[in-house]
N, C-alpha and C. Protein backbone atom coordinates (compact mmCIF):
# COMPACT_ATOMS: atom_id res chain seq x y z
N MET A 1 86.83 49.35 73.08
CA MET A 1 87.66 49.21 74.27
C MET A 1 86.76 48.32 75.24
N THR A 2 87.31 47.23 75.71
CA THR A 2 86.59 46.37 76.67
C THR A 2 86.42 47.03 78.08
N ARG A 3 85.46 46.45 78.83
CA ARG A 3 85.33 47.05 80.15
C ARG A 3 86.58 46.99 81.07
N THR A 4 87.36 45.81 80.91
CA THR A 4 88.49 45.63 81.72
C THR A 4 89.50 46.69 81.34
N ALA A 5 89.59 46.99 80.00
CA ALA A 5 90.61 48.04 79.63
C ALA A 5 90.16 49.39 80.12
N ARG A 6 88.83 49.69 80.13
CA ARG A 6 88.44 50.98 80.58
C ARG A 6 88.69 51.06 82.12
N ASP A 7 88.46 50.02 82.84
CA ASP A 7 88.76 50.03 84.28
C ASP A 7 90.20 50.23 84.51
N THR A 8 91.05 49.60 83.76
CA THR A 8 92.53 49.72 83.95
C THR A 8 92.95 51.19 83.70
N ALA A 9 92.44 51.85 82.53
CA ALA A 9 92.80 53.13 82.26
C ALA A 9 92.33 54.07 83.35
N ARG A 10 91.12 53.85 83.83
CA ARG A 10 90.62 54.71 84.89
C ARG A 10 91.48 54.55 86.16
N HIS A 11 91.89 53.41 86.46
CA HIS A 11 92.67 53.07 87.64
C HIS A 11 94.01 53.86 87.52
N GLN A 12 94.61 53.81 86.34
CA GLN A 12 95.85 54.47 86.14
C GLN A 12 95.79 56.01 86.25
N ILE A 13 94.65 56.59 85.73
CA ILE A 13 94.49 58.01 85.88
C ILE A 13 94.33 58.44 87.32
N LEU A 14 93.47 57.70 88.07
CA LEU A 14 93.18 58.04 89.43
C LEU A 14 94.51 57.81 90.28
N ALA A 15 95.23 56.80 89.90
CA ALA A 15 96.59 56.55 90.68
C ALA A 15 97.52 57.73 90.43
N ARG A 16 97.61 58.30 89.25
CA ARG A 16 98.46 59.38 88.95
C ARG A 16 98.03 60.62 89.71
N ILE A 17 96.72 60.86 89.75
CA ILE A 17 96.21 62.04 90.50
C ILE A 17 96.51 61.92 91.97
N THR A 18 96.26 60.67 92.49
CA THR A 18 96.59 60.42 93.93
C THR A 18 98.06 60.60 94.26
N THR A 19 98.97 60.14 93.34
CA THR A 19 100.38 60.34 93.54
C THR A 19 100.77 61.85 93.56
N ALA A 20 100.18 62.61 92.64
CA ALA A 20 100.45 64.01 92.46
C ALA A 20 99.99 64.84 93.72
N LEU A 21 98.82 64.41 94.27
CA LEU A 21 98.31 65.07 95.41
C LEU A 21 99.18 64.71 96.70
N ASP A 22 99.66 63.41 96.73
CA ASP A 22 100.45 63.11 97.88
C ASP A 22 101.79 63.71 97.95
N GLN A 23 102.25 64.30 96.82
CA GLN A 23 103.55 64.93 96.85
C GLN A 23 103.63 66.25 97.57
N ASN A 24 102.45 66.87 97.72
CA ASN A 24 102.34 68.15 98.41
C ASN A 24 103.30 69.24 97.96
N SER A 25 103.49 69.27 96.66
CA SER A 25 104.45 70.22 96.02
C SER A 25 103.94 71.62 96.43
N PRO A 26 104.81 72.53 96.72
CA PRO A 26 104.35 73.88 97.04
C PRO A 26 103.85 74.63 95.81
N THR A 27 102.83 75.46 96.09
CA THR A 27 102.30 76.20 95.09
C THR A 27 103.17 77.35 94.64
N PRO A 28 103.43 77.46 93.38
CA PRO A 28 104.41 78.58 92.87
C PRO A 28 103.80 79.92 93.30
N PRO A 29 104.65 80.85 93.62
CA PRO A 29 104.15 82.16 94.06
C PRO A 29 103.41 82.83 92.87
N ILE A 30 102.32 83.59 93.17
CA ILE A 30 101.59 84.36 92.23
C ILE A 30 102.19 85.77 92.14
N VAL A 31 102.58 86.13 90.98
CA VAL A 31 103.14 87.48 90.72
C VAL A 31 102.06 88.49 90.92
N ARG A 32 102.12 89.42 91.78
CA ARG A 32 101.11 90.48 91.85
C ARG A 32 101.76 91.83 91.72
N ASN A 33 102.42 91.99 90.61
CA ASN A 33 103.10 93.18 90.35
C ASN A 33 102.17 94.24 89.76
N TYR A 34 101.10 94.62 90.62
CA TYR A 34 100.13 95.58 90.14
C TYR A 34 100.71 96.93 90.12
N ARG A 35 100.15 97.81 89.20
CA ARG A 35 100.48 99.12 89.16
C ARG A 35 99.91 99.82 90.43
N ARG A 36 100.75 100.67 91.13
CA ARG A 36 100.31 101.33 92.28
C ARG A 36 100.01 102.79 92.02
N ALA A 37 99.34 103.38 92.90
CA ALA A 37 99.07 104.81 92.70
C ALA A 37 100.34 105.68 92.75
N GLY A 38 100.44 106.62 91.89
CA GLY A 38 101.61 107.45 91.77
C GLY A 38 101.37 108.92 91.96
N SER A 39 102.30 109.71 91.61
CA SER A 39 102.12 111.15 91.85
C SER A 39 101.69 111.91 90.58
N GLY A 40 101.58 111.11 89.42
CA GLY A 40 101.14 111.80 88.24
C GLY A 40 102.35 112.56 87.57
N GLY A 41 101.95 113.22 86.51
CA GLY A 41 103.03 113.88 85.76
C GLY A 41 102.55 115.22 85.26
N PRO A 42 103.48 116.03 84.64
CA PRO A 42 103.15 117.40 84.21
C PRO A 42 102.14 117.41 83.00
N GLY A 43 102.07 116.22 82.26
CA GLY A 43 101.22 116.25 81.12
C GLY A 43 99.87 115.69 81.34
N ASP A 44 99.45 115.52 82.57
CA ASP A 44 98.14 114.86 82.88
C ASP A 44 96.99 115.74 82.49
N ILE A 45 97.12 117.02 82.68
CA ILE A 45 96.05 117.91 82.30
C ILE A 45 95.75 117.89 80.84
N GLU A 46 96.84 117.96 80.03
CA GLU A 46 96.67 117.97 78.64
C GLU A 46 96.18 116.58 78.15
N LEU A 47 96.59 115.53 78.77
CA LEU A 47 96.18 114.17 78.39
C LEU A 47 94.75 113.94 78.68
N PHE A 48 94.27 114.54 79.86
CA PHE A 48 92.89 114.38 80.16
C PHE A 48 91.95 115.14 79.23
N ALA A 49 92.44 116.38 78.79
CA ALA A 49 91.64 117.18 77.90
C ALA A 49 91.52 116.48 76.48
N ASP A 50 92.72 115.80 76.13
CA ASP A 50 92.68 115.17 74.88
C ASP A 50 91.82 113.90 74.88
N ARG A 51 91.80 113.17 75.91
CA ARG A 51 90.98 112.01 76.04
C ARG A 51 89.50 112.39 75.98
N LEU A 52 89.13 113.41 76.70
CA LEU A 52 87.76 113.88 76.65
C LEU A 52 87.31 114.25 75.20
N ARG A 53 88.17 114.94 74.51
CA ARG A 53 87.81 115.37 73.12
C ARG A 53 87.68 114.15 72.27
N ASP A 54 88.54 113.11 72.44
CA ASP A 54 88.45 111.86 71.66
C ASP A 54 87.11 111.21 71.88
N TYR A 55 86.49 111.38 73.03
CA TYR A 55 85.19 110.78 73.29
C TYR A 55 84.04 111.57 72.73
N GLY A 56 84.36 112.82 72.32
CA GLY A 56 83.28 113.74 71.79
C GLY A 56 82.77 114.61 72.84
N ALA A 57 83.43 114.78 74.00
CA ALA A 57 82.97 115.82 75.01
C ALA A 57 83.55 117.16 74.59
N HIS A 58 82.91 118.24 75.03
CA HIS A 58 83.35 119.61 74.81
C HIS A 58 84.17 119.96 76.07
N VAL A 59 85.29 120.63 75.75
CA VAL A 59 86.29 120.98 76.87
C VAL A 59 86.64 122.46 76.76
N ARG A 60 86.48 123.08 77.92
CA ARG A 60 86.92 124.48 78.06
C ARG A 60 88.00 124.58 79.11
N VAL A 61 89.17 125.01 78.80
CA VAL A 61 90.27 125.17 79.76
C VAL A 61 90.29 126.58 80.12
N VAL A 62 90.15 126.90 81.33
CA VAL A 62 89.99 128.27 81.89
C VAL A 62 90.83 128.42 83.18
N ALA A 63 91.12 129.70 83.47
CA ALA A 63 91.71 130.04 84.82
C ALA A 63 90.75 129.77 85.86
N ALA A 64 91.25 129.60 87.06
CA ALA A 64 90.35 129.28 88.28
C ALA A 64 89.28 130.36 88.47
N ASP A 65 89.60 131.55 88.15
CA ASP A 65 88.67 132.67 88.38
C ASP A 65 87.71 132.92 87.16
N GLY A 66 87.90 132.09 86.18
CA GLY A 66 87.06 132.18 84.99
C GLY A 66 85.96 131.23 84.79
N VAL A 67 85.71 130.43 85.90
CA VAL A 67 84.71 129.40 85.82
C VAL A 67 83.34 129.87 85.55
N ALA A 68 82.96 130.87 86.40
CA ALA A 68 81.55 131.41 86.20
C ALA A 68 81.37 131.95 84.83
N ARG A 69 82.25 132.74 84.31
CA ARG A 69 82.15 133.32 82.94
C ARG A 69 82.05 132.16 81.91
N SER A 70 82.82 131.16 82.06
CA SER A 70 82.84 130.05 81.17
C SER A 70 81.43 129.25 81.18
N ILE A 71 80.97 129.14 82.31
CA ILE A 71 79.65 128.43 82.51
C ILE A 71 78.54 129.32 81.82
N ALA A 72 78.52 130.64 82.11
CA ALA A 72 77.53 131.49 81.47
C ALA A 72 77.67 131.36 79.96
N GLY A 73 78.87 131.40 79.47
CA GLY A 73 78.99 131.41 77.93
C GLY A 73 78.59 129.99 77.40
N ALA A 74 78.82 128.96 78.09
CA ALA A 74 78.38 127.53 77.65
C ALA A 74 76.91 127.53 77.63
N LEU A 75 76.26 128.01 78.64
CA LEU A 75 74.75 127.90 78.71
C LEU A 75 74.18 128.84 77.69
N ALA A 76 74.72 130.05 77.44
CA ALA A 76 74.18 130.97 76.38
C ALA A 76 74.29 130.31 75.01
N GLU A 77 75.52 129.75 74.78
CA GLU A 77 75.61 129.12 73.37
C GLU A 77 74.69 127.99 73.19
N ARG A 78 74.27 127.30 74.27
CA ARG A 78 73.27 126.19 74.08
C ARG A 78 71.91 126.69 74.17
N GLY A 79 71.64 127.92 74.59
CA GLY A 79 70.28 128.45 74.75
C GLY A 79 69.57 127.85 75.94
N ALA A 80 70.29 127.35 76.94
CA ALA A 80 69.73 126.75 78.03
C ALA A 80 69.20 127.76 79.02
N THR A 81 67.85 127.65 79.30
CA THR A 81 67.21 128.54 80.23
C THR A 81 66.73 127.84 81.55
N ARG A 82 66.35 126.58 81.37
CA ARG A 82 66.01 125.74 82.59
C ARG A 82 67.27 125.10 82.95
N VAL A 83 67.96 125.60 83.96
CA VAL A 83 69.22 125.00 84.41
C VAL A 83 69.08 124.63 85.90
N LEU A 84 69.62 123.44 86.16
CA LEU A 84 69.59 122.98 87.57
C LEU A 84 70.97 122.71 87.92
N ALA A 85 71.42 123.13 89.14
CA ALA A 85 72.78 123.02 89.68
C ALA A 85 72.73 122.10 90.89
N ALA A 86 73.73 121.27 91.13
CA ALA A 86 73.83 120.52 92.34
C ALA A 86 73.76 121.49 93.44
N PRO A 87 73.11 121.19 94.54
CA PRO A 87 72.90 122.08 95.64
C PRO A 87 74.10 122.69 96.26
N GLY A 88 75.21 121.92 96.22
CA GLY A 88 76.44 122.42 96.92
C GLY A 88 77.43 123.10 96.05
N THR A 89 77.02 123.39 94.73
CA THR A 89 77.90 124.10 93.82
C THR A 89 77.94 125.58 94.26
N PRO A 90 79.05 126.33 94.09
CA PRO A 90 79.03 127.73 94.42
C PRO A 90 77.93 128.48 93.68
N LEU A 91 77.31 129.36 94.41
CA LEU A 91 76.22 130.20 93.79
C LEU A 91 76.80 131.03 92.66
N ALA A 92 78.02 131.45 92.76
CA ALA A 92 78.57 132.34 91.65
C ALA A 92 78.67 131.57 90.37
N TRP A 93 78.79 130.24 90.33
CA TRP A 93 78.87 129.53 89.15
C TRP A 93 77.62 129.75 88.25
N ALA A 94 76.49 129.72 88.82
CA ALA A 94 75.22 129.97 87.98
C ALA A 94 74.17 130.52 88.91
N PRO A 95 74.18 131.95 89.16
CA PRO A 95 73.24 132.47 90.08
C PRO A 95 71.77 132.21 89.75
N ASP A 96 71.47 132.08 88.58
CA ASP A 96 70.04 131.96 88.21
C ASP A 96 69.61 130.52 88.14
N ALA A 97 70.50 129.57 88.40
CA ALA A 97 70.18 128.21 88.30
C ALA A 97 69.31 127.76 89.47
N ALA A 98 68.40 126.83 89.28
CA ALA A 98 67.65 126.23 90.40
C ALA A 98 68.56 125.25 91.11
N ARG A 99 68.25 125.11 92.40
CA ARG A 99 69.09 124.20 93.24
C ARG A 99 68.13 123.38 94.14
N GLY A 100 68.63 122.34 94.68
CA GLY A 100 67.82 121.53 95.56
C GLY A 100 67.34 120.22 94.90
N PRO A 101 66.64 119.43 95.57
CA PRO A 101 66.12 118.17 95.02
C PRO A 101 65.08 118.40 93.95
N ALA A 102 65.07 117.61 92.91
CA ALA A 102 64.14 117.69 91.81
C ALA A 102 63.54 116.36 91.49
N ASP A 103 62.27 116.35 91.05
CA ASP A 103 61.64 115.04 90.76
C ASP A 103 61.96 114.73 89.36
N VAL A 104 61.54 113.51 88.90
CA VAL A 104 61.85 113.02 87.47
C VAL A 104 61.23 113.97 86.37
N PRO A 105 59.90 114.36 86.53
CA PRO A 105 59.35 115.27 85.45
C PRO A 105 60.22 116.56 85.33
N THR A 106 60.66 117.09 86.52
CA THR A 106 61.45 118.30 86.44
C THR A 106 62.82 118.11 85.71
N LEU A 107 63.49 116.98 86.12
CA LEU A 107 64.77 116.63 85.52
C LEU A 107 64.62 116.39 83.95
N THR A 108 63.69 115.79 83.55
CA THR A 108 63.43 115.49 82.09
C THR A 108 63.25 116.73 81.29
N LEU A 109 62.69 117.85 81.91
CA LEU A 109 62.49 119.05 81.23
C LEU A 109 63.63 120.03 81.41
N THR A 110 64.66 119.71 82.13
CA THR A 110 65.78 120.55 82.47
C THR A 110 66.67 120.59 81.19
N HIS A 111 67.04 121.85 80.85
CA HIS A 111 67.95 122.03 79.62
C HIS A 111 69.40 121.60 80.00
N ALA A 112 69.88 121.99 81.21
CA ALA A 112 71.22 121.66 81.60
C ALA A 112 71.41 121.41 83.02
N VAL A 113 72.30 120.65 83.45
CA VAL A 113 72.66 120.37 84.82
C VAL A 113 74.10 120.65 85.06
N ILE A 114 74.41 121.33 86.19
CA ILE A 114 75.83 121.68 86.51
C ILE A 114 76.21 121.07 87.74
N THR A 115 77.38 120.38 87.69
CA THR A 115 77.93 119.77 88.88
C THR A 115 79.48 119.98 88.98
N ALA A 116 80.06 119.69 90.25
CA ALA A 116 81.48 119.54 90.27
C ALA A 116 81.78 118.05 90.11
N CYS A 117 83.04 117.68 90.45
CA CYS A 117 83.37 116.26 90.30
C CYS A 117 84.30 115.86 91.52
N CYS A 118 84.55 114.59 91.69
CA CYS A 118 85.37 114.13 92.78
C CYS A 118 86.80 113.89 92.34
N VAL A 119 86.97 113.16 91.27
CA VAL A 119 88.25 112.73 90.76
C VAL A 119 88.12 112.69 89.28
N ALA A 120 89.22 113.02 88.51
CA ALA A 120 89.28 112.95 87.03
C ALA A 120 90.49 112.10 86.71
N ILE A 121 90.37 111.24 85.77
CA ILE A 121 91.46 110.33 85.38
C ILE A 121 92.06 110.67 83.99
N ALA A 122 93.27 111.14 83.98
CA ALA A 122 93.96 111.54 82.75
C ALA A 122 94.07 110.39 81.74
N ASP A 123 94.50 109.25 82.18
CA ASP A 123 94.86 108.17 81.30
C ASP A 123 93.66 107.75 80.52
N THR A 124 92.43 107.78 81.08
CA THR A 124 91.15 107.20 80.42
C THR A 124 90.20 108.40 80.12
N GLY A 125 90.49 109.55 80.47
CA GLY A 125 89.56 110.63 80.24
C GLY A 125 88.25 110.49 81.04
N THR A 126 88.37 109.97 82.20
CA THR A 126 87.13 109.63 83.01
C THR A 126 86.95 110.56 84.13
N ILE A 127 85.67 110.96 84.33
CA ILE A 127 85.26 111.78 85.43
C ILE A 127 84.49 110.89 86.46
N VAL A 128 84.81 111.01 87.71
CA VAL A 128 84.14 110.22 88.76
C VAL A 128 83.39 111.15 89.61
N LEU A 129 82.12 110.92 89.80
CA LEU A 129 81.20 111.70 90.66
C LEU A 129 81.01 110.99 92.03
N ASP A 130 80.90 111.69 93.06
CA ASP A 130 80.68 111.26 94.44
C ASP A 130 79.21 111.65 94.73
N HIS A 131 78.20 110.85 94.71
CA HIS A 131 76.88 111.24 94.81
C HIS A 131 76.46 111.47 96.25
N ASP A 132 77.36 111.35 97.19
CA ASP A 132 77.15 111.70 98.60
C ASP A 132 77.54 113.17 98.83
N ALA A 133 78.29 113.75 97.84
CA ALA A 133 78.75 115.12 97.94
C ALA A 133 77.72 116.10 97.39
N ALA A 134 77.48 117.16 98.19
CA ALA A 134 76.47 118.10 97.77
C ALA A 134 76.71 118.78 96.49
N ASP A 135 77.95 118.96 96.12
CA ASP A 135 78.25 119.69 94.91
C ASP A 135 78.21 118.84 93.60
N GLN A 136 77.80 117.52 93.86
CA GLN A 136 77.72 116.65 92.67
C GLN A 136 76.29 115.99 92.60
N GLY A 137 75.53 116.11 93.55
CA GLY A 137 74.13 115.74 93.53
C GLY A 137 73.85 114.27 93.40
N THR A 138 72.57 113.94 93.14
CA THR A 138 72.19 112.52 93.09
C THR A 138 72.45 111.98 91.77
N ARG A 139 72.37 110.62 91.67
CA ARG A 139 72.75 109.96 90.34
C ARG A 139 71.75 110.44 89.32
N ALA A 140 70.44 110.46 89.62
CA ALA A 140 69.35 110.96 88.71
C ALA A 140 69.67 112.32 88.10
N LEU A 141 70.23 113.23 88.94
CA LEU A 141 70.49 114.60 88.47
C LEU A 141 71.50 114.61 87.31
N THR A 142 72.39 113.66 87.32
CA THR A 142 73.36 113.64 86.13
C THR A 142 73.09 112.61 85.11
N LEU A 143 71.97 111.88 85.18
CA LEU A 143 71.60 110.90 84.23
C LEU A 143 70.41 111.27 83.26
N LEU A 144 69.49 112.04 83.82
CA LEU A 144 68.21 112.33 83.12
C LEU A 144 68.30 113.54 82.16
N PRO A 145 68.88 114.69 82.62
CA PRO A 145 69.02 115.77 81.64
C PRO A 145 69.88 115.42 80.48
N ASP A 146 69.67 116.13 79.40
CA ASP A 146 70.37 115.84 78.15
C ASP A 146 71.75 116.47 78.04
N TYR A 147 72.05 117.39 78.94
CA TYR A 147 73.35 118.12 78.90
C TYR A 147 73.86 118.16 80.34
N HIS A 148 75.06 117.74 80.48
CA HIS A 148 75.77 117.83 81.75
C HIS A 148 77.04 118.67 81.65
N LEU A 149 77.05 119.72 82.40
CA LEU A 149 78.24 120.51 82.45
C LEU A 149 78.91 120.33 83.79
N VAL A 150 80.14 119.88 83.75
CA VAL A 150 80.84 119.52 84.99
C VAL A 150 82.15 120.29 85.03
N VAL A 151 82.41 120.79 86.24
CA VAL A 151 83.59 121.65 86.53
C VAL A 151 84.70 120.73 87.17
N VAL A 152 85.87 120.63 86.69
CA VAL A 152 86.92 119.76 87.11
C VAL A 152 88.07 120.73 87.53
N ARG A 153 88.54 120.61 88.75
CA ARG A 153 89.69 121.51 89.20
C ARG A 153 91.02 120.77 88.83
N ARG A 154 92.04 121.54 88.65
CA ARG A 154 93.37 120.96 88.24
C ARG A 154 93.78 119.92 89.27
N ASP A 155 93.57 120.24 90.60
CA ASP A 155 94.07 119.36 91.62
C ASP A 155 93.24 118.02 91.78
N GLN A 156 92.18 117.94 90.99
CA GLN A 156 91.35 116.74 90.96
C GLN A 156 91.77 115.68 89.86
N VAL A 157 92.69 116.15 89.04
CA VAL A 157 93.13 115.21 87.96
C VAL A 157 94.18 114.36 88.40
N VAL A 158 94.05 113.01 88.26
CA VAL A 158 95.15 112.08 88.68
C VAL A 158 95.52 111.36 87.37
N ALA A 159 96.66 110.62 87.50
CA ALA A 159 97.28 110.00 86.29
C ALA A 159 96.40 108.84 85.77
N GLY A 160 96.12 107.88 86.61
CA GLY A 160 95.51 106.62 86.15
C GLY A 160 94.47 106.11 87.11
N VAL A 161 93.86 105.00 86.72
CA VAL A 161 92.84 104.34 87.55
C VAL A 161 93.33 103.97 88.94
N PRO A 162 94.56 103.41 89.12
CA PRO A 162 94.97 103.09 90.47
C PRO A 162 95.00 104.36 91.39
N ASP A 163 95.44 105.47 90.80
CA ASP A 163 95.40 106.72 91.55
C ASP A 163 93.95 107.06 91.90
N ALA A 164 92.99 106.94 91.03
CA ALA A 164 91.60 107.29 91.28
C ALA A 164 91.12 106.32 92.43
N VAL A 165 91.35 105.04 92.31
CA VAL A 165 90.87 104.07 93.25
C VAL A 165 91.39 104.43 94.68
N ALA A 166 92.69 104.85 94.77
CA ALA A 166 93.21 105.21 96.01
C ALA A 166 92.50 106.44 96.62
N ALA A 167 92.12 107.36 95.74
CA ALA A 167 91.52 108.69 96.19
C ALA A 167 90.01 108.34 96.51
N LEU A 168 89.42 107.26 96.09
CA LEU A 168 88.00 107.08 96.31
C LEU A 168 87.69 106.04 97.32
N THR A 169 88.74 105.79 98.20
CA THR A 169 88.51 104.74 99.28
C THR A 169 87.29 104.91 100.06
N GLU A 170 86.99 106.21 100.49
CA GLU A 170 85.84 106.37 101.37
C GLU A 170 84.55 106.76 100.58
N VAL A 171 84.58 106.78 99.28
CA VAL A 171 83.48 107.25 98.51
C VAL A 171 82.55 106.09 98.18
N ARG A 172 81.31 106.08 98.58
CA ARG A 172 80.45 104.88 98.49
C ARG A 172 79.66 104.89 97.18
N THR A 173 78.98 105.97 96.86
CA THR A 173 78.13 106.00 95.65
C THR A 173 78.82 106.79 94.51
N GLN A 174 79.17 106.13 93.55
CA GLN A 174 80.04 106.64 92.45
C GLN A 174 79.43 106.48 91.08
N THR A 175 79.64 107.38 90.22
CA THR A 175 79.41 107.22 88.71
C THR A 175 80.71 107.61 88.09
N TRP A 176 81.15 106.67 87.10
CA TRP A 176 82.30 106.94 86.33
C TRP A 176 81.87 107.27 84.94
N ILE A 177 82.30 108.44 84.42
CA ILE A 177 81.80 108.97 83.18
C ILE A 177 82.98 109.13 82.23
N SER A 178 82.90 108.47 81.12
CA SER A 178 83.89 108.68 80.00
C SER A 178 83.23 109.16 78.76
N GLY A 179 83.03 110.34 78.67
CA GLY A 179 82.39 111.07 77.45
C GLY A 179 80.87 110.94 77.60
N PRO A 180 80.22 111.48 76.53
CA PRO A 180 78.74 111.48 76.57
C PRO A 180 78.20 110.00 76.47
N SER A 181 76.97 109.92 76.89
CA SER A 181 76.34 108.56 76.88
C SER A 181 76.17 108.09 75.39
N ALA A 182 76.56 106.89 75.18
CA ALA A 182 76.44 106.30 73.77
C ALA A 182 76.35 104.85 73.81
N THR A 183 75.67 104.33 72.81
CA THR A 183 75.61 102.84 72.61
C THR A 183 75.54 102.58 71.13
N SER A 184 75.58 101.28 70.73
CA SER A 184 75.51 100.96 69.33
C SER A 184 74.48 99.73 69.17
N ASP A 185 73.78 99.78 68.10
CA ASP A 185 72.83 98.66 67.87
C ASP A 185 73.63 97.47 67.15
N ILE A 186 72.90 96.47 66.79
CA ILE A 186 73.52 95.30 66.19
C ILE A 186 74.31 95.64 64.88
N GLU A 187 73.92 96.68 64.22
CA GLU A 187 74.56 97.08 62.94
C GLU A 187 75.69 98.21 63.30
N LEU A 188 75.96 98.35 64.57
CA LEU A 188 77.06 99.29 64.95
C LEU A 188 76.73 100.80 64.66
N GLU A 189 75.46 101.06 64.57
CA GLU A 189 75.04 102.43 64.44
C GLU A 189 75.09 103.06 65.88
N ARG A 190 75.92 104.13 65.98
CA ARG A 190 76.04 104.82 67.18
C ARG A 190 74.82 105.71 67.53
N VAL A 191 74.35 105.53 68.78
CA VAL A 191 73.21 106.33 69.25
C VAL A 191 73.65 106.90 70.51
N GLU A 192 73.42 108.20 70.67
CA GLU A 192 73.90 108.98 71.86
C GLU A 192 72.65 109.44 72.68
N GLY A 193 72.93 109.50 73.99
CA GLY A 193 71.87 110.00 74.94
C GLY A 193 70.99 108.89 75.39
N VAL A 194 71.32 107.59 75.27
CA VAL A 194 70.35 106.53 75.61
C VAL A 194 70.44 106.24 77.14
N HIS A 195 71.56 106.31 77.66
CA HIS A 195 71.77 105.92 79.12
C HIS A 195 72.14 107.10 79.95
N GLY A 196 72.14 108.30 79.44
CA GLY A 196 72.58 109.44 80.14
C GLY A 196 72.59 110.53 79.19
N PRO A 197 73.29 111.74 79.57
CA PRO A 197 73.40 112.93 78.81
C PRO A 197 73.92 112.73 77.40
N ARG A 198 73.25 113.32 76.47
CA ARG A 198 73.82 113.26 74.99
C ARG A 198 75.05 114.15 74.84
N THR A 199 75.08 115.19 75.69
CA THR A 199 76.28 116.18 75.53
C THR A 199 76.91 116.26 76.89
N LEU A 200 78.17 116.09 76.93
CA LEU A 200 79.00 116.29 78.19
C LEU A 200 79.94 117.43 77.84
N GLU A 201 79.90 118.44 78.70
CA GLU A 201 80.85 119.62 78.51
C GLU A 201 81.62 119.78 79.90
N VAL A 202 82.89 119.82 79.72
CA VAL A 202 83.84 119.90 80.84
C VAL A 202 84.52 121.22 80.94
N ILE A 203 84.41 121.92 82.07
CA ILE A 203 85.31 123.16 82.27
C ILE A 203 86.29 122.76 83.22
N LEU A 204 87.60 122.79 82.63
CA LEU A 204 88.81 122.43 83.38
C LEU A 204 89.39 123.69 84.00
N ALA A 205 89.34 123.83 85.29
CA ALA A 205 89.83 125.09 85.84
C ALA A 205 91.20 124.88 86.40
N LEU A 206 92.16 125.70 85.85
CA LEU A 206 93.61 125.53 86.15
C LEU A 206 93.94 126.48 87.34
């Protein structure tokens, strides 16, 4: 292609762009039919428990007045003696558990950590922690120990992610947990406990 031909083609392209820009055609409306927060459904509790089990988490569904007994049973089965609970959790949940701030060496030697939660999502089996809440503790509290036992109340379970986002409007420091910590290497060999607890146990209080 000669230089004259190239210049002609360039001129034609630029002329078409200029013409299109001069038309000032209106931008078509963008469809923003996003899913909104809803009221949930009667099957949310069962779906949430099923999703957790799919991820490999342990789930205990108990009556509201059976939380302390369930925690005691879970710790006994695991043989956990060095137990740390988030400072704001009810004393009755684990009377013998240590509470208060803990340094990294203490956390790495802890057998089990106990917390409450902020929101739980049925559709994804996700638990959201609010680390500014005393009953959920700092982020390190729930990442360093190998076993995390979390209590979820029935009224904290929402249907989907939009519902959780709506409920978390004022929550600044969050951790979203979907099952035990796990990753895979290049050969897709699953390894658990790399980025957080190897074992997640959920007590669902109805």
